[in-house]
Amino acid sequence: MPSGSIPVLTTVMSEVAVSQALRDALDARAQRKADWMSLESHLLHALRPEMERLTTELVRASLLEAWRKHANGLD
């Protein structure tokens, strides 16, 4: 952990007061974050068929088991 106080900006800095290199670095970081976060939609899209298949199997197996228990109680 850094020691000392953390400076707080109390006035808005003009864009020219920030170096182009820093602006480029911040823009690149923001783009990397956006790219990383876009993985969510890609992953969900790719996994949706598998999630639906697994859900269908789970529902079928659960209902079959519930029917077996119910049918055994009728005997």
N, C-alpha and C. Protein backbone atom coordinates (compact mmCIF):
# COMPACT_ATOMS: atom_id res chain seq x y z
N MET A 1 0.85 -1.19 0.00
CA MET A 1 0.00 0.00 0.00
C MET A 1 0.89 1.24 0.00
N PRO A 2 0.53 2.19 -0.83
CA PRO A 2 1.30 3.44 -0.82
C PRO A 2 1.09 4.19 0.49
N SER A 3 2.08 4.89 0.88
CA SER A 3 1.95 5.68 2.10
C SER A 3 1.67 7.13 1.74
N GLY A 4 1.17 7.87 2.69
CA GLY A 4 0.87 9.27 2.44
C GLY A 4 -0.57 9.45 2.01
N SER A 5 -0.89 10.70 1.73
CA SER A 5 -2.27 11.00 1.35
C SER A 5 -2.45 10.86 -0.16
N ILE A 6 -3.66 10.57 -0.52
CA ILE A 6 -3.99 10.43 -1.94
C ILE A 6 -4.49 11.79 -2.42
N PRO A 7 -3.87 12.34 -3.45
CA PRO A 7 -4.32 13.66 -3.92
C PRO A 7 -5.72 13.57 -4.53
N VAL A 8 -6.49 14.63 -4.34
CA VAL A 8 -7.83 14.70 -4.87
C VAL A 8 -7.90 15.89 -5.81
N LEU A 9 -8.42 15.65 -7.01
CA LEU A 9 -8.59 16.75 -7.95
C LEU A 9 -9.85 17.52 -7.59
N THR A 10 -9.70 18.80 -7.39
CA THR A 10 -10.86 19.62 -7.03
C THR A 10 -11.29 20.51 -8.19
N THR A 11 -10.46 20.60 -9.20
CA THR A 11 -10.83 21.39 -10.37
C THR A 11 -10.71 20.53 -11.61
N VAL A 12 -11.50 20.86 -12.60
CA VAL A 12 -11.46 20.12 -13.84
C VAL A 12 -10.22 20.54 -14.61
N MET A 13 -9.47 19.56 -15.06
CA MET A 13 -8.26 19.86 -15.84
C MET A 13 -8.65 19.95 -17.30
N SER A 14 -8.04 20.86 -17.97
CA SER A 14 -8.31 20.96 -19.40
C SER A 14 -7.63 19.79 -20.11
N GLU A 15 -8.15 19.43 -21.26
CA GLU A 15 -7.62 18.29 -21.98
C GLU A 15 -6.17 18.51 -22.39
N VAL A 16 -5.81 19.75 -22.66
CA VAL A 16 -4.43 20.02 -23.07
C VAL A 16 -3.45 19.87 -21.92
N ALA A 17 -3.96 19.89 -20.67
CA ALA A 17 -3.09 19.73 -19.51
C ALA A 17 -2.68 18.27 -19.31
N VAL A 18 -3.38 17.36 -19.98
CA VAL A 18 -3.06 15.94 -19.87
C VAL A 18 -2.25 15.56 -21.11
N SER A 19 -1.14 14.92 -20.88
CA SER A 19 -0.27 14.58 -22.01
C SER A 19 -0.97 13.63 -22.98
N GLN A 20 -0.58 13.72 -24.24
CA GLN A 20 -1.15 12.85 -25.26
C GLN A 20 -0.84 11.39 -24.95
N ALA A 21 0.35 11.14 -24.43
CA ALA A 21 0.73 9.77 -24.09
C ALA A 21 -0.20 9.20 -23.02
N LEU A 22 -0.52 10.00 -22.01
CA LEU A 22 -1.42 9.55 -20.95
C LEU A 22 -2.82 9.35 -21.50
N ARG A 23 -3.30 10.26 -22.34
CA ARG A 23 -4.62 10.11 -22.95
C ARG A 23 -4.68 8.84 -23.80
N ASP A 24 -3.62 8.60 -24.57
CA ASP A 24 -3.57 7.39 -25.40
C ASP A 24 -3.58 6.13 -24.53
N ALA A 25 -2.82 6.17 -23.43
CA ALA A 25 -2.78 5.02 -22.53
C ALA A 25 -4.14 4.78 -21.88
N LEU A 26 -4.82 5.84 -21.48
CA LEU A 26 -6.15 5.70 -20.87
C LEU A 26 -7.17 5.21 -21.90
N ASP A 27 -7.08 5.72 -23.12
CA ASP A 27 -7.98 5.27 -24.18
C ASP A 27 -7.75 3.79 -24.50
N ALA A 28 -6.49 3.38 -24.55
CA ALA A 28 -6.17 1.98 -24.83
C ALA A 28 -6.69 1.09 -23.70
N ARG A 29 -6.55 1.54 -22.48
CA ARG A 29 -7.05 0.75 -21.34
C ARG A 29 -8.57 0.64 -21.39
N ALA A 30 -9.24 1.73 -21.72
CA ALA A 30 -10.70 1.71 -21.83
C ALA A 30 -11.13 0.76 -22.94
N GLN A 31 -10.40 0.74 -24.04
CA GLN A 31 -10.73 -0.17 -25.14
C GLN A 31 -10.51 -1.62 -24.74
N ARG A 32 -9.42 -1.89 -24.02
CA ARG A 32 -9.17 -3.26 -23.55
C ARG A 32 -10.29 -3.72 -22.61
N LYS A 33 -10.75 -2.80 -21.74
CA LYS A 33 -11.84 -3.14 -20.83
C LYS A 33 -13.12 -3.43 -21.62
N ALA A 34 -13.42 -2.60 -22.61
CA ALA A 34 -14.61 -2.83 -23.43
C ALA A 34 -14.52 -4.16 -24.16
N ASP A 35 -13.35 -4.46 -24.70
CA ASP A 35 -13.15 -5.75 -25.39
C ASP A 35 -13.35 -6.91 -24.43
N TRP A 36 -12.80 -6.79 -23.23
CA TRP A 36 -12.91 -7.84 -22.21
C TRP A 36 -14.37 -8.05 -21.83
N MET A 37 -15.09 -6.95 -21.61
CA MET A 37 -16.48 -7.05 -21.20
C MET A 37 -17.36 -7.58 -22.32
N SER A 38 -16.98 -7.39 -23.57
CA SER A 38 -17.79 -7.90 -24.67
C SER A 38 -17.71 -9.42 -24.76
N LEU A 39 -16.74 -10.01 -24.08
CA LEU A 39 -16.66 -11.47 -24.04
C LEU A 39 -17.92 -12.09 -23.44
N GLU A 40 -18.57 -11.37 -22.54
CA GLU A 40 -19.77 -11.89 -21.89
C GLU A 40 -20.81 -12.28 -22.91
N SER A 41 -21.14 -11.37 -23.81
CA SER A 41 -22.18 -11.68 -24.78
C SER A 41 -21.76 -12.79 -25.73
N HIS A 42 -20.49 -12.81 -26.11
CA HIS A 42 -20.00 -13.87 -26.99
C HIS A 42 -20.07 -15.23 -26.30
N LEU A 43 -19.67 -15.28 -25.04
CA LEU A 43 -19.70 -16.54 -24.30
C LEU A 43 -21.13 -17.02 -24.09
N LEU A 44 -22.01 -16.11 -23.70
CA LEU A 44 -23.39 -16.51 -23.49
C LEU A 44 -24.03 -17.00 -24.78
N HIS A 45 -23.73 -16.34 -25.87
CA HIS A 45 -24.27 -16.76 -27.17
C HIS A 45 -23.75 -18.16 -27.53
N ALA A 46 -22.48 -18.38 -27.31
CA ALA A 46 -21.88 -19.68 -27.64
C ALA A 46 -22.37 -20.79 -26.71
N LEU A 47 -22.61 -20.46 -25.45
CA LEU A 47 -23.02 -21.48 -24.48
C LEU A 47 -24.53 -21.71 -24.41
N ARG A 48 -25.31 -20.81 -24.98
CA ARG A 48 -26.77 -20.92 -24.86
C ARG A 48 -27.31 -22.28 -25.29
N PRO A 49 -26.92 -22.83 -26.46
CA PRO A 49 -27.45 -24.15 -26.83
C PRO A 49 -27.11 -25.24 -25.79
N GLU A 50 -25.92 -25.22 -25.26
CA GLU A 50 -25.53 -26.22 -24.27
C GLU A 50 -26.32 -26.02 -22.97
N MET A 51 -26.51 -24.77 -22.56
CA MET A 51 -27.28 -24.51 -21.34
C MET A 51 -28.73 -24.97 -21.53
N GLU A 52 -29.30 -24.74 -22.70
CA GLU A 52 -30.67 -25.18 -22.96
C GLU A 52 -30.75 -26.71 -22.96
N ARG A 53 -29.77 -27.38 -23.55
CA ARG A 53 -29.76 -28.84 -23.58
C ARG A 53 -29.67 -29.40 -22.16
N LEU A 54 -28.77 -28.84 -21.35
CA LEU A 54 -28.61 -29.32 -19.97
C LEU A 54 -29.87 -29.05 -19.14
N THR A 55 -30.48 -27.91 -19.35
CA THR A 55 -31.71 -27.58 -18.63
C THR A 55 -32.82 -28.56 -19.01
N THR A 56 -32.94 -28.86 -20.30
CA THR A 56 -33.95 -29.81 -20.76
C THR A 56 -33.73 -31.18 -20.14
N GLU A 57 -32.49 -31.62 -20.13
CA GLU A 57 -32.18 -32.92 -19.52
C GLU A 57 -32.53 -32.93 -18.03
N LEU A 58 -32.19 -31.87 -17.33
CA LEU A 58 -32.47 -31.77 -15.90
C LEU A 58 -33.97 -31.81 -15.62
N VAL A 59 -34.74 -31.06 -16.40
CA VAL A 59 -36.19 -31.03 -16.20
C VAL A 59 -36.78 -32.41 -16.48
N ARG A 60 -36.39 -33.02 -17.58
CA ARG A 60 -36.91 -34.35 -17.92
C ARG A 60 -36.57 -35.38 -16.83
N ALA A 61 -35.31 -35.39 -16.41
CA ALA A 61 -34.90 -36.36 -15.39
C ALA A 61 -35.63 -36.11 -14.08
N SER A 62 -35.80 -34.85 -13.72
CA SER A 62 -36.50 -34.52 -12.46
C SER A 62 -37.95 -34.94 -12.52
N LEU A 63 -38.61 -34.67 -13.64
CA LEU A 63 -40.01 -35.06 -13.77
C LEU A 63 -40.16 -36.58 -13.82
N LEU A 64 -39.25 -37.25 -14.48
CA LEU A 64 -39.30 -38.71 -14.53
C LEU A 64 -39.15 -39.29 -13.12
N GLU A 65 -38.21 -38.77 -12.37
CA GLU A 65 -38.01 -39.24 -10.99
C GLU A 65 -39.23 -38.95 -10.13
N ALA A 66 -39.80 -37.75 -10.30
CA ALA A 66 -41.01 -37.42 -9.54
C ALA A 66 -42.15 -38.35 -9.92
N TRP A 67 -42.28 -38.70 -11.20
CA TRP A 67 -43.33 -39.63 -11.63
C TRP A 67 -43.11 -41.02 -11.03
N ARG A 68 -41.85 -41.46 -11.04
CA ARG A 68 -41.56 -42.77 -10.46
C ARG A 68 -41.97 -42.82 -8.99
N LYS A 69 -41.63 -41.78 -8.24
CA LYS A 69 -41.99 -41.73 -6.83
C LYS A 69 -43.51 -41.70 -6.67
N HIS A 70 -44.16 -40.93 -7.51
CA HIS A 70 -45.61 -40.84 -7.46
C HIS A 70 -46.27 -42.16 -7.82
N ALA A 71 -45.78 -42.79 -8.89
CA ALA A 71 -46.36 -44.07 -9.35
C ALA A 71 -46.13 -45.16 -8.33
N ASN A 72 -44.99 -45.18 -7.68
CA ASN A 72 -44.72 -46.19 -6.66
C ASN A 72 -45.65 -46.04 -5.46
N GLY A 73 -46.05 -44.82 -5.20
CA GLY A 73 -46.97 -44.58 -4.09
C GLY A 73 -48.38 -45.04 -4.40
N LEU A 74 -48.69 -45.21 -5.69
CA LEU A 74 -50.02 -45.65 -6.08
C LEU A 74 -50.18 -47.16 -6.01
N ASP A 75 -49.07 -47.89 -5.99
CA ASP A 75 -49.13 -49.36 -5.99
C ASP A 75 -49.58 -49.92 -4.69
